[in-house]
């Protein structure tokens, strides 16, 4: 299979003092401002792409977004094609945030949105949590799910 070229870039938006975004491409995790776009070739058939954005105005947003991406980037990509396993792993990442808040009282209230997609051959699975939308453009996907829950 030919390599897929994946490019990631995130910077602090206007009106913000620091960037709370975290990007995951496969098992690589990028946090904070990126000076320039990062392009990489992915040779394997499956790849997970993640973007988490710490909730603005909440404490430790950058820590929350990087924790979520690190937790999800470490599991096999094919998990995300099974809706129940995808939801279960997102809930585990969420439970991990609660454990972190229990250990660090000043981090209570931290949170993150999440957008993810898994590529495998011609298949695409997409998910998002919170108000970060997913735009597929011309791509047709068999699984699109958006779930917003207060926990």
Protein backbone atom coordinates (compact mmCIF):
# COMPACT_ATOMS: atom_id res chain seq x y z
CA UNK A 1 0.00 0.00 0.00
CA UNK A 2 1.34 3.46 -0.83
CA UNK A 3 2.08 5.87 1.99
CA UNK A 4 -0.62 8.27 3.14
CA UNK A 5 0.60 11.81 3.68
CA UNK A 6 -0.86 13.29 6.84
CA UNK A 7 -0.32 16.93 7.84
CA UNK A 8 -1.02 18.37 11.29
CA UNK A 9 -0.92 21.98 12.42
CA UNK A 10 -2.30 23.81 15.42
CA UNK A 11 -1.69 27.27 16.85
CA UNK A 12 -3.12 29.37 19.61
CA UNK A 13 -6.19 31.27 18.50
CA UNK A 14 -6.80 34.98 18.88
CA UNK A 15 -7.72 36.00 22.38
CA UNK A 16 -5.96 33.03 23.99
CA UNK A 17 -2.74 33.16 25.95
CA UNK A 18 -1.73 29.56 25.20
CA UNK A 19 -2.73 26.64 23.02
CA UNK A 20 -4.60 23.79 24.72
CA UNK A 21 -4.79 21.61 21.58
CA UNK A 22 -3.27 18.18 21.29
CA UNK A 23 -2.93 16.30 17.99
CA UNK A 24 -2.35 12.57 17.63
CA UNK A 25 -1.31 10.85 14.41
CA UNK A 26 -0.86 7.15 15.01
CA UNK A 27 1.25 6.93 18.14
CA UNK A 28 2.79 10.42 17.68
CA UNK A 29 1.42 13.15 19.93
CA UNK A 30 1.89 16.90 19.36
CA UNK A 31 1.00 19.43 22.06
CA UNK A 32 0.83 23.20 22.14
CA UNK A 33 1.72 25.58 19.32
CA UNK A 34 3.38 24.11 16.27
CA UNK A 35 5.79 26.45 14.50
CA UNK A 36 4.97 24.95 11.11
CA UNK A 37 2.82 22.15 9.71
CA UNK A 38 4.15 18.65 10.39
CA UNK A 39 3.77 16.26 7.44
CA UNK A 40 4.49 12.58 7.74
CA UNK A 41 4.10 9.50 5.59
CA UNK A 42 2.07 6.69 7.13
CA UNK A 43 2.97 3.39 5.50
CA UNK A 44 0.70 1.06 7.43
CA UNK A 45 -2.86 0.29 6.33
CA UNK A 46 -4.55 1.75 9.43
CA UNK A 47 -4.03 5.09 11.13
CA UNK A 48 -5.81 6.94 13.95
CA UNK A 49 -6.03 10.74 13.76
CA UNK A 50 -7.03 12.63 16.91
CA UNK A 51 -7.55 16.26 17.86
CA UNK A 52 -8.43 17.25 21.41
CA UNK A 53 -9.00 20.82 22.51
CA UNK A 54 -8.86 21.70 26.19
CA UNK A 55 -12.04 23.44 27.21
CA UNK A 56 -11.37 27.19 27.21
CA UNK A 57 -11.84 28.88 30.54
CA UNK A 58 -11.39 25.62 32.46
CA UNK A 59 -8.27 24.80 34.43
CA UNK A 60 -5.60 22.49 32.99
CA UNK A 61 -7.18 22.26 29.51
CA UNK A 62 -3.84 21.42 27.89
CA UNK A 63 -3.30 18.61 30.40
CA UNK A 64 -6.81 17.26 29.75
CA UNK A 65 -6.43 17.25 25.96
CA UNK A 66 -2.98 15.61 26.03
CA UNK A 67 -4.19 12.95 28.49
CA UNK A 68 -7.13 12.05 26.25
CA UNK A 69 -5.00 11.83 23.09
CA UNK A 70 -2.26 9.83 24.81
CA UNK A 71 -4.80 7.33 26.14
CA UNK A 72 -6.48 6.81 22.76
CA UNK A 73 -3.33 6.90 20.62
CA UNK A 74 -1.97 3.93 22.53
CA UNK A 75 -4.72 1.47 21.52
CA UNK A 76 -5.00 -0.43 18.22
CA UNK A 77 -6.63 1.56 15.41
CA UNK A 78 -9.09 -1.20 14.46
CA UNK A 79 -10.84 -0.75 17.83
CA UNK A 80 -12.40 2.47 16.51
CA UNK A 81 -14.32 0.64 13.76
CA UNK A 82 -16.37 -1.14 16.40
CA UNK A 83 -18.80 1.42 17.85
CA UNK A 84 -19.07 -0.26 21.26
CA UNK A 85 -15.29 -0.63 21.66
CA UNK A 86 -14.78 2.96 20.47
CA UNK A 87 -17.26 4.28 23.04
CA UNK A 88 -15.78 2.07 25.77
CA UNK A 89 -12.26 3.40 25.14
CA UNK A 90 -13.42 7.02 25.04
CA UNK A 91 -15.16 6.41 28.37
CA UNK A 92 -11.93 4.94 29.77
CA UNK A 93 -10.07 8.10 28.69
CA UNK A 94 -12.78 10.17 30.37
CA UNK A 95 -12.53 8.07 33.56
CA UNK A 96 -8.78 8.67 33.51
CA UNK A 97 -9.44 12.44 33.53
CA UNK A 98 -11.57 12.00 36.64
CA UNK A 99 -8.76 10.00 38.30
CA UNK A 100 -6.32 12.80 37.45
CA UNK A 101 -8.70 15.35 38.98
CA UNK A 102 -9.02 13.24 42.14
CA UNK A 103 -5.21 13.16 42.48
CA UNK A 104 -4.80 16.87 41.73
CA UNK A 105 -7.54 18.94 43.38
CA UNK A 106 -6.58 22.16 41.54
CA UNK A 107 -7.25 20.33 38.25
CA UNK A 108 -10.91 19.73 39.09
CA UNK A 109 -13.12 20.89 36.26
CA UNK A 110 -10.63 20.23 33.47
CA UNK A 111 -12.05 18.85 30.26
CA UNK A 112 -11.50 18.47 26.54
CA UNK A 113 -13.38 18.10 23.31
CA UNK A 114 -12.33 15.27 21.00
CA UNK A 115 -12.43 14.60 17.28
CA UNK A 116 -11.08 11.39 15.81
CA UNK A 117 -10.98 9.38 12.66
CA UNK A 118 -9.50 6.05 11.75
CA UNK A 119 -8.41 5.30 8.21
CA UNK A 120 -8.19 1.72 7.02
CA UNK A 121 -7.95 1.04 3.31
CA UNK A 122 -11.02 2.70 1.81
CA UNK A 123 -12.88 2.73 5.17
CA UNK A 124 -13.23 5.68 7.49
CA UNK A 125 -14.66 5.79 11.01
CA UNK A 126 -15.31 9.21 12.56
CA UNK A 127 -16.29 10.27 16.07
CA UNK A 128 -16.49 13.47 18.05
CA UNK A 129 -17.25 14.48 21.61
CA UNK A 130 -18.23 18.05 22.45
CA UNK A 131 -18.49 21.00 20.11
CA UNK A 132 -15.55 20.24 17.80
CA UNK A 133 -17.17 19.28 14.49
CA UNK A 134 -15.93 16.83 11.87
CA UNK A 135 -16.11 17.85 8.22
CA UNK A 136 -15.71 15.06 5.69
CA UNK A 137 -15.88 17.17 2.54
CA UNK A 138 -16.23 14.73 -0.36
CA UNK A 139 -15.45 11.66 1.75
CA UNK A 140 -18.30 9.25 2.32
CA UNK A 141 -18.08 7.43 5.62
CA UNK A 142 -20.03 4.46 6.89
CA UNK A 143 -19.87 5.48 10.53
CA UNK A 144 -20.41 9.00 11.80
CA UNK A 145 -21.45 9.46 15.40
CA UNK A 146 -21.67 12.51 17.56
CA UNK A 147 -22.41 12.17 21.25
CA UNK A 148 -22.53 15.01 23.72
CA UNK A 149 -22.98 14.06 27.37
CA UNK A 150 -22.67 15.88 30.62
CA UNK A 151 -20.86 13.74 33.14
